[in-house]
């Protein structure tokens, strides 16, 4: 936030004297709790967290993806279309091609716009033996994507082996996987997303599905919109 916006909002909401706000901010900057960058401020912890997330996404994306022959792609799309009973739109075909060509993908659309159909098309092209893990923030969403694709799904916590205070899978003990599908990305807070990213090995694909009509997460961050706006 800009310092002016931040201070004006606090004065408006809490009726606190501006001098107190300035002094408190100065103390928090000295204690490295708040980062001040020209006329903007951020909580240091979340600023660092967002940077770590960006760095890991760029690292995953930098690894050359597995290549698929045109014949495999056409055969997989044909099988998917026969199974679902309708043909993909040009946009969906471009989405399938983009997912195959990149190790980090974001598929965004309102409910019912065909996000899962794109995933099913991609699955038909993946070679046999591809290790796929599907997960979502909520158990209900995990159940839905399991029913739609036929692949096992779980919550993010279950996938990472949540043990009360920590996860079994992390940067030192990563998941044995080739593809991670994350549904409901709009509902995932920064801390949980970072826990998932740390457990994804280099060379694996991360495919995120999101509905930008949904509410933002209860936790900190606005992950989906930030990813969409990042370029």
C-alpha atoms as a PDB file:
ATOM      1  CA  UNK A   1       0.000   0.000   0.000  1.00  0.00           C
ATOM      2  CA  UNK A   2       1.042   3.604  -0.301  1.00  0.00           C
ATOM      3  CA  UNK A   3       1.798   5.064   3.111  1.00  0.00           C
ATOM      4  CA  UNK A   4      -0.822   7.787   2.527  1.00  0.00           C
ATOM      5  CA  UNK A   5      -3.575   5.239   1.777  1.00  0.00           C
ATOM      6  CA  UNK A   6      -2.570   3.164   4.782  1.00  0.00           C
ATOM      7  CA  UNK A   7      -2.490   6.085   7.206  1.00  0.00           C
ATOM      8  CA  UNK A   8      -5.721   7.651   5.925  1.00  0.00           C
ATOM      9  CA  UNK A   9      -7.557   4.342   6.294  1.00  0.00           C
ATOM     10  CA  UNK A  10      -6.347   3.852   9.874  1.00  0.00           C
ATOM     11  CA  UNK A  11      -7.304   7.397  10.842  1.00  0.00           C
ATOM     12  CA  UNK A  12     -10.718   6.869   9.241  1.00  0.00           C
ATOM     13  CA  UNK A  13     -11.388   3.478  10.852  1.00  0.00           C
ATOM     14  CA  UNK A  14      -9.753   3.817  14.265  1.00  0.00           C
ATOM     15  CA  UNK A  15      -9.507   7.593  14.826  1.00  0.00           C
ATOM     16  CA  UNK A  16      -5.856   7.226  15.857  1.00  0.00           C
ATOM     17  CA  UNK A  17      -3.614  10.274  15.824  1.00  0.00           C
ATOM     18  CA  UNK A  18      -1.366  10.439  12.747  1.00  0.00           C
ATOM     19  CA  UNK A  19       1.767  11.006  14.824  1.00  0.00           C
ATOM     20  CA  UNK A  20       1.195   7.719  16.695  1.00  0.00           C
ATOM     21  CA  UNK A  21       0.816   5.873  13.392  1.00  0.00           C
ATOM     22  CA  UNK A  22       4.036   7.397  12.015  1.00  0.00           C
ATOM     23  CA  UNK A  23       6.003   6.521  15.160  1.00  0.00           C
ATOM     24  CA  UNK A  24       4.682   2.971  15.194  1.00  0.00           C
ATOM     25  CA  UNK A  25       5.527   2.501  11.528  1.00  0.00           C
ATOM     26  CA  UNK A  26       9.050   3.779  12.151  1.00  0.00           C
ATOM     27  CA  UNK A  27       9.519   1.264  14.990  1.00  0.00           C
ATOM     28  CA  UNK A  28       8.173  -1.609  12.881  1.00  0.00           C
ATOM     29  CA  UNK A  29      10.517  -0.675  10.015  1.00  0.00           C
ATOM     30  CA  UNK A  30      13.471  -0.634  12.420  1.00  0.00           C
ATOM     31  CA  UNK A  31      12.426  -4.079  13.732  1.00  0.00           C
ATOM     32  CA  UNK A  32      12.214  -5.388  10.110  1.00  0.00           C
ATOM     33  CA  UNK A  33       8.503  -6.161  10.541  1.00  0.00           C
ATOM     34  CA  UNK A  34       7.526  -3.613   7.898  1.00  0.00           C
ATOM     35  CA  UNK A  35       9.299  -2.983   4.617  1.00  0.00           C
ATOM     36  CA  UNK A  36       9.323   0.628   3.384  1.00  0.00           C
ATOM     37  CA  UNK A  37      10.060   1.144  -0.300  1.00  0.00           C
ATOM     38  CA  UNK A  38       9.867   4.824  -1.275  1.00  0.00           C
ATOM     39  CA  UNK A  39       6.217   5.766  -0.657  1.00  0.00           C
ATOM     40  CA  UNK A  40       4.944   2.187  -0.220  1.00  0.00           C
ATOM     41  CA  UNK A  41       4.931  -0.235   2.706  1.00  0.00           C
ATOM     42  CA  UNK A  42       4.374  -3.964   3.136  1.00  0.00           C
ATOM     43  CA  UNK A  43       4.573  -6.484   5.947  1.00  0.00           C
ATOM     44  CA  UNK A  44       8.058  -7.970   5.512  1.00  0.00           C
ATOM     45  CA  UNK A  45       6.919 -11.579   6.125  1.00  0.00           C
ATOM     46  CA  UNK A  46       4.334 -11.545   3.319  1.00  0.00           C
ATOM     47  CA  UNK A  47       6.555  -9.570   0.961  1.00  0.00           C
ATOM     48  CA  UNK A  48       9.245 -12.253   1.365  1.00  0.00           C
ATOM     49  CA  UNK A  49       6.658 -15.032   1.007  1.00  0.00           C
ATOM     50  CA  UNK A  50       5.348 -13.640  -2.296  1.00  0.00           C
ATOM     51  CA  UNK A  51       8.914 -13.337  -3.609  1.00  0.00           C
ATOM     52  CA  UNK A  52       9.659 -16.969  -2.704  1.00  0.00           C
ATOM     53  CA  UNK A  53       6.468 -18.076  -4.474  1.00  0.00           C
ATOM     54  CA  UNK A  54       7.368 -16.091  -7.605  1.00  0.00           C
ATOM     55  CA  UNK A  55      10.920 -17.496  -7.624  1.00  0.00           C
ATOM     56  CA  UNK A  56       9.745 -21.123  -7.325  1.00  0.00           C
ATOM     57  CA  UNK A  57       7.114 -20.698 -10.057  1.00  0.00           C
ATOM     58  CA  UNK A  58       9.762 -19.230 -12.386  1.00  0.00           C
ATOM     59  CA  UNK A  59      12.137 -22.082 -11.516  1.00  0.00           C
ATOM     60  CA  UNK A  60       9.491 -24.742 -12.264  1.00  0.00           C
ATOM     61  CA  UNK A  61       8.678 -22.976 -15.540  1.00  0.00           C
ATOM     62  CA  UNK A  62      12.349 -22.754 -16.567  1.00  0.00           C
ATOM     63  CA  UNK A  63      12.733 -26.547 -16.862  1.00  0.00           C
ATOM     64  CA  UNK A  64      12.106 -27.742 -20.461  1.00  0.00           C
ATOM     65  CA  UNK A  65       8.810 -29.710 -20.517  1.00  0.00           C
ATOM     66  CA  UNK A  66       8.430 -33.216 -21.882  1.00  0.00           C
ATOM     67  CA  UNK A  67       7.814 -33.172 -25.644  1.00  0.00           C
ATOM     68  CA  UNK A  68       4.837 -34.902 -27.288  1.00  0.00           C
ATOM     69  CA  UNK A  69       4.577 -35.842 -30.943  1.00  0.00           C
ATOM     70  CA  UNK A  70       1.875 -34.245 -33.084  1.00  0.00           C
ATOM     71  CA  UNK A  71       0.473 -37.711 -33.640  1.00  0.00           C
ATOM     72  CA  UNK A  72       0.147 -38.332 -29.865  1.00  0.00           C
ATOM     73  CA  UNK A  73      -1.546 -34.947 -29.428  1.00  0.00           C
ATOM     74  CA  UNK A  74      -4.034 -35.495 -32.246  1.00  0.00           C
ATOM     75  CA  UNK A  75      -4.817 -39.044 -31.087  1.00  0.00           C
ATOM     76  CA  UNK A  76      -5.339 -37.919 -27.489  1.00  0.00           C
ATOM     77  CA  UNK A  77      -7.633 -35.049 -28.506  1.00  0.00           C
ATOM     78  CA  UNK A  78      -9.622 -37.375 -30.778  1.00  0.00           C
ATOM     79  CA  UNK A  79     -10.071 -39.904 -27.941  1.00  0.00           C
ATOM     80  CA  UNK A  80     -11.107 -37.186 -25.485  1.00  0.00           C
ATOM     81  CA  UNK A  81     -13.653 -35.745 -27.913  1.00  0.00           C
ATOM     82  CA  UNK A  82     -15.160 -39.173 -28.600  1.00  0.00           C
ATOM     83  CA  UNK A  83     -15.402 -39.884 -24.888  1.00  0.00           C
ATOM     84  CA  UNK A  84     -17.035 -36.572 -23.974  1.00  0.00           C
ATOM     85  CA  UNK A  85     -19.310 -36.448 -27.026  1.00  0.00           C
ATOM     86  CA  UNK A  86     -18.367 -32.967 -28.257  1.00  0.00           C
ATOM     87  CA  UNK A  87     -15.438 -31.225 -29.910  1.00  0.00           C
ATOM     88  CA  UNK A  88     -13.091 -28.823 -28.179  1.00  0.00           C
ATOM     89  CA  UNK A  89     -13.339 -25.127 -29.005  1.00  0.00           C
ATOM     90  CA  UNK A  90     -10.318 -23.384 -30.550  1.00  0.00           C
ATOM     91  CA  UNK A  91      -9.662 -21.770 -27.157  1.00  0.00           C
ATOM     92  CA  UNK A  92      -9.690 -25.149 -25.394  1.00  0.00           C
ATOM     93  CA  UNK A  93      -7.341 -26.632 -28.007  1.00  0.00           C
ATOM     94  CA  UNK A  94      -4.967 -23.689 -27.486  1.00  0.00           C
ATOM     95  CA  UNK A  95      -5.200 -24.315 -23.729  1.00  0.00           C
ATOM     96  CA  UNK A  96      -4.281 -27.987 -24.143  1.00  0.00           C
ATOM     97  CA  UNK A  97      -1.300 -27.050 -26.332  1.00  0.00           C
ATOM     98  CA  UNK A  98      -0.172 -24.426 -23.820  1.00  0.00           C
ATOM     99  CA  UNK A  99      -0.309 -26.872 -20.901  1.00  0.00           C
ATOM    100  CA  UNK A 100       1.792 -29.372 -22.854  1.00  0.00           C
ATOM    101  CA  UNK A 101       4.342 -26.651 -23.712  1.00  0.00           C
ATOM    102  CA  UNK A 102       4.734 -25.230 -20.195  1.00  0.00           C
ATOM    103  CA  UNK A 103       5.481 -26.587 -16.734  1.00  0.00           C
ATOM    104  CA  UNK A 104       3.374 -23.928 -15.003  1.00  0.00           C
ATOM    105  CA  UNK A 105      -0.147 -23.279 -16.301  1.00  0.00           C
ATOM    106  CA  UNK A 106      -3.154 -21.318 -15.101  1.00  0.00           C
ATOM    107  CA  UNK A 107      -6.593 -22.153 -16.510  1.00  0.00           C
ATOM    108  CA  UNK A 108      -9.150 -19.518 -15.524  1.00  0.00           C
ATOM    109  CA  UNK A 109     -12.871 -19.368 -16.143  1.00  0.00           C
ATOM    110  CA  UNK A 110     -16.241 -19.184 -14.437  1.00  0.00           C
ATOM    111  CA  UNK A 111     -18.025 -22.391 -13.413  1.00  0.00           C
ATOM    112  CA  UNK A 112     -19.149 -24.443 -16.420  1.00  0.00           C
ATOM    113  CA  UNK A 113     -16.807 -22.850 -18.959  1.00  0.00           C
ATOM    114  CA  UNK A 114     -14.910 -26.091 -19.649  1.00  0.00           C
ATOM    115  CA  UNK A 115     -11.774 -25.962 -17.478  1.00  0.00           C
ATOM    116  CA  UNK A 116     -12.049 -29.639 -16.534  1.00  0.00           C
ATOM    117  CA  UNK A 117     -12.599 -30.641 -20.177  1.00  0.00           C
ATOM    118  CA  UNK A 118      -9.205 -29.130 -21.015  1.00  0.00           C
ATOM    119  CA  UNK A 119      -7.612 -31.219 -18.252  1.00  0.00           C
ATOM    120  CA  UNK A 120      -9.290 -34.388 -19.513  1.00  0.00           C
ATOM    121  CA  UNK A 121      -7.940 -33.642 -22.988  1.00  0.00           C
ATOM    122  CA  UNK A 122      -4.426 -33.241 -21.610  1.00  0.00           C
ATOM    123  CA  UNK A 123      -4.726 -36.507 -19.666  1.00  0.00           C
ATOM    124  CA  UNK A 124      -5.444 -38.392 -22.888  1.00  0.00           C
ATOM    125  CA  UNK A 125      -2.110 -37.181 -24.274  1.00  0.00           C
ATOM    126  CA  UNK A 126       0.052 -37.937 -21.235  1.00  0.00           C
ATOM    127  CA  UNK A 127       1.942 -41.195 -21.606  1.00  0.00           C
ATOM    128  CA  UNK A 128       1.049 -44.265 -19.562  1.00  0.00           C
ATOM    129  CA  UNK A 129       2.797 -44.223 -16.203  1.00  0.00           C
ATOM    130  CA  UNK A 130       2.562 -40.444 -15.776  1.00  0.00           C
ATOM    131  CA  UNK A 131       2.202 -39.844 -12.032  1.00  0.00           C
ATOM    132  CA  UNK A 132      -0.685 -37.435 -11.521  1.00  0.00           C
ATOM    133  CA  UNK A 133      -1.826 -35.874  -8.239  1.00  0.00           C
ATOM    134  CA  UNK A 134      -5.031 -33.855  -8.079  1.00  0.00           C
ATOM    135  CA  UNK A 135      -5.777 -31.613  -5.115  1.00  0.00           C
ATOM    136  CA  UNK A 136      -7.961 -28.723  -4.009  1.00  0.00           C
ATOM    137  CA  UNK A 137      -8.439 -26.514  -0.987  1.00  0.00           C
ATOM    138  CA  UNK A 138     -11.745 -28.111   0.002  1.00  0.00           C
ATOM    139  CA  UNK A 139     -12.772 -31.754   0.195  1.00  0.00           C
ATOM    140  CA  UNK A 140     -15.869 -31.001  -1.891  1.00  0.00           C
ATOM    141  CA  UNK A 141     -13.780 -29.607  -4.759  1.00  0.00           C
ATOM    142  CA  UNK A 142     -11.395 -32.565  -4.554  1.00  0.00           C
ATOM    143  CA  UNK A 143     -14.380 -34.904  -4.844  1.00  0.00           C
ATOM    144  CA  UNK A 144     -15.734 -32.983  -7.863  1.00  0.00           C
ATOM    145  CA  UNK A 145     -12.500 -33.145  -9.849  1.00  0.00           C
ATOM    146  CA  UNK A 146     -12.142 -36.839  -8.981  1.00  0.00           C
ATOM    147  CA  UNK A 147     -15.632 -37.505 -10.384  1.00  0.00           C
ATOM    148  CA  UNK A 148     -14.912 -35.402 -13.486  1.00  0.00           C
ATOM    149  CA  UNK A 149     -11.565 -36.978 -14.407  1.00  0.00           C
ATOM    150  CA  UNK A 150     -11.590 -40.393 -12.735  1.00  0.00           C
ATOM    151  CA  UNK A 151      -8.184 -39.736 -11.124  1.00  0.00           C
ATOM    152  CA  UNK A 152      -7.712 -39.871  -7.331  1.00  0.00           C
ATOM    153  CA  UNK A 153      -7.958 -36.461  -5.652  1.00  0.00           C
ATOM    154  CA  UNK A 154      -7.473 -35.082  -2.159  1.00  0.00           C
ATOM    155  CA  UNK A 155      -7.243 -31.862  -0.212  1.00  0.00           C
ATOM    156  CA  UNK A 156      -3.885 -30.087  -0.297  1.00  0.00           C
ATOM    157  CA  UNK A 157      -3.408 -30.979   3.376  1.00  0.00           C
ATOM    158  CA  UNK A 158      -3.999 -34.679   2.712  1.00  0.00           C
ATOM    159  CA  UNK A 159      -1.679 -34.667  -0.321  1.00  0.00           C
ATOM    160  CA  UNK A 160       1.139 -33.077   1.699  1.00  0.00           C
ATOM    161  CA  UNK A 161       0.586 -35.417   4.674  1.00  0.00           C
ATOM    162  CA  UNK A 162      -0.495 -32.861   7.270  1.00  0.00           C
ATOM    163  CA  UNK A 163       0.718 -33.914  10.756  1.00  0.00           C
ATOM    164  CA  UNK A 164      -0.990 -31.373  12.997  1.00  0.00           C
ATOM    165  CA  UNK A 165       1.695 -28.676  12.822  1.00  0.00           C
ATOM    166  CA  UNK A 166       3.806 -29.619   9.800  1.00  0.00           C
ATOM    167  CA  UNK A 167       3.646 -31.420   6.470  1.00  0.00           C
ATOM    168  CA  UNK A 168       5.333 -34.750   5.676  1.00  0.00           C
ATOM    169  CA  UNK A 169       6.151 -33.569   2.158  1.00  0.00           C
ATOM    170  CA  UNK A 170       8.253 -30.423   1.896  1.00  0.00           C
ATOM    171  CA  UNK A 171      11.416 -29.053   0.242  1.00  0.00           C
ATOM    172  CA  UNK A 172      13.530 -31.854   1.774  1.00  0.00           C
ATOM    173  CA  UNK A 173      11.016 -34.659   1.111  1.00  0.00           C
ATOM    174  CA  UNK A 174       9.291 -33.820  -2.156  1.00  0.00           C
ATOM    175  CA  UNK A 175       6.323 -35.558  -3.752  1.00  0.00           C
ATOM    176  CA  UNK A 176       7.040 -38.317  -6.260  1.00  0.00           C
ATOM    177  CA  UNK A 177       4.937 -36.878  -9.052  1.00  0.00           C
ATOM    178  CA  UNK A 178       5.002 -35.739 -12.673  1.00  0.00           C
ATOM    179  CA  UNK A 179       1.860 -33.594 -12.648  1.00  0.00           C
ATOM    180  CA  UNK A 180       0.098 -31.622  -9.927  1.00  0.00           C
ATOM    181  CA  UNK A 181      -3.406 -30.362 -10.638  1.00  0.00           C
ATOM    182  CA  UNK A 182      -4.521 -27.678  -8.182  1.00  0.00           C
ATOM    183  CA  UNK A 183      -8.229 -26.836  -8.376  1.00  0.00           C
ATOM    184  CA  UNK A 184      -9.886 -23.862  -6.651  1.00  0.00           C
ATOM    185  CA  UNK A 185      -6.655 -21.835  -6.687  1.00  0.00           C
ATOM    186  CA  UNK A 186      -8.670 -18.696  -5.862  1.00  0.00           C
ATOM    187  CA  UNK A 187      -9.379 -20.117  -2.399  1.00  0.00           C
ATOM    188  CA  UNK A 188      -5.750 -20.944  -1.514  1.00  0.00           C
ATOM    189  CA  UNK A 189      -3.853 -18.609   0.819  1.00  0.00           C
ATOM    190  CA  UNK A 190      -0.189 -17.753   0.335  1.00  0.00           C
ATOM    191  CA  UNK A 191       1.180 -19.901   3.164  1.00  0.00           C
ATOM    192  CA  UNK A 192      -0.578 -23.086   2.056  1.00  0.00           C
ATOM    193  CA  UNK A 193       0.370 -22.452  -1.582  1.00  0.00           C
ATOM    194  CA  UNK A 194       4.023 -22.032  -0.594  1.00  0.00           C
ATOM    195  CA  UNK A 195       3.878 -25.334   1.328  1.00  0.00           C
ATOM    196  CA  UNK A 196       2.588 -27.047  -1.825  1.00  0.00           C
ATOM    197  CA  UNK A 197       5.195 -25.409  -4.080  1.00  0.00           C
ATOM    198  CA  UNK A 198       8.065 -26.524  -1.864  1.00  0.00           C
ATOM    199  CA  UNK A 199       6.949 -30.151  -2.223  1.00  0.00           C
ATOM    200  CA  UNK A 200       6.841 -30.056  -6.052  1.00  0.00           C
ATOM    201  CA  UNK A 201      10.041 -31.424  -7.666  1.00  0.00           C
ATOM    202  CA  UNK A 202      11.721 -29.664 -10.587  1.00  0.00           C
ATOM    203  CA  UNK A 203      10.569 -31.167 -13.879  1.00  0.00           C
ATOM    204  CA  UNK A 204       6.994 -31.698 -12.693  1.00  0.00           C
ATOM    205  CA  UNK A 205       4.050 -29.812 -14.169  1.00  0.00           C
ATOM    206  CA  UNK A 206       1.864 -27.562 -12.029  1.00  0.00           C
ATOM    207  CA  UNK A 207      -1.573 -26.949 -13.568  1.00  0.00           C
ATOM    208  CA  UNK A 208      -3.794 -24.542 -11.650  1.00  0.00           C
ATOM    209  CA  UNK A 209      -7.532 -24.184 -12.223  1.00  0.00           C
ATOM    210  CA  UNK A 210      -9.299 -21.074 -10.974  1.00  0.00           C
ATOM    211  CA  UNK A 211     -12.650 -19.314 -11.010  1.00  0.00           C
ATOM    212  CA  UNK A 212     -12.129 -15.560 -10.793  1.00  0.00           C
ATOM    213  CA  UNK A 213     -15.804 -15.180  -9.861  1.00  0.00           C
ATOM    214  CA  UNK A 214     -15.213 -16.871  -6.507  1.00  0.00           C
ATOM    215  CA  UNK A 215     -14.444 -15.116  -3.250  1.00  0.00           C
ATOM    216  CA  UNK A 216     -10.758 -14.573  -2.393  1.00  0.00           C
ATOM    217  CA  UNK A 217      -9.196 -16.843   0.252  1.00  0.00           C
ATOM    218  CA  UNK A 218      -9.919 -16.538   3.963  1.00  0.00           C
ATOM    219  CA  UNK A 219      -6.167 -16.505   4.546  1.00  0.00           C
ATOM    220  CA  UNK A 220      -3.634 -13.916   3.419  1.00  0.00           C
ATOM    221  CA  UNK A 221      -3.073 -13.030  -0.216  1.00  0.00           C
ATOM    222  CA  UNK A 222      -5.014 -12.806  -3.446  1.00  0.00           C
ATOM    223  CA  UNK A 223      -3.169 -15.511  -5.321  1.00  0.00           C
ATOM    224  CA  UNK A 224      -5.344 -15.991  -8.411  1.00  0.00           C
ATOM    225  CA  UNK A 225      -5.615 -12.303  -9.307  1.00  0.00           C
ATOM    226  CA  UNK A 226      -1.910 -11.754  -8.647  1.00  0.00           C
ATOM    227  CA  UNK A 227      -1.009 -14.689 -10.916  1.00  0.00           C
ATOM    228  CA  UNK A 228      -3.342 -13.397 -13.648  1.00  0.00           C
ATOM    229  CA  UNK A 229      -1.898  -9.882 -13.428  1.00  0.00           C
ATOM    230  CA  UNK A 230       1.745 -11.000 -13.258  1.00  0.00           C
ATOM    231  CA  UNK A 231       2.133 -11.681 -16.971  1.00  0.00           C
END
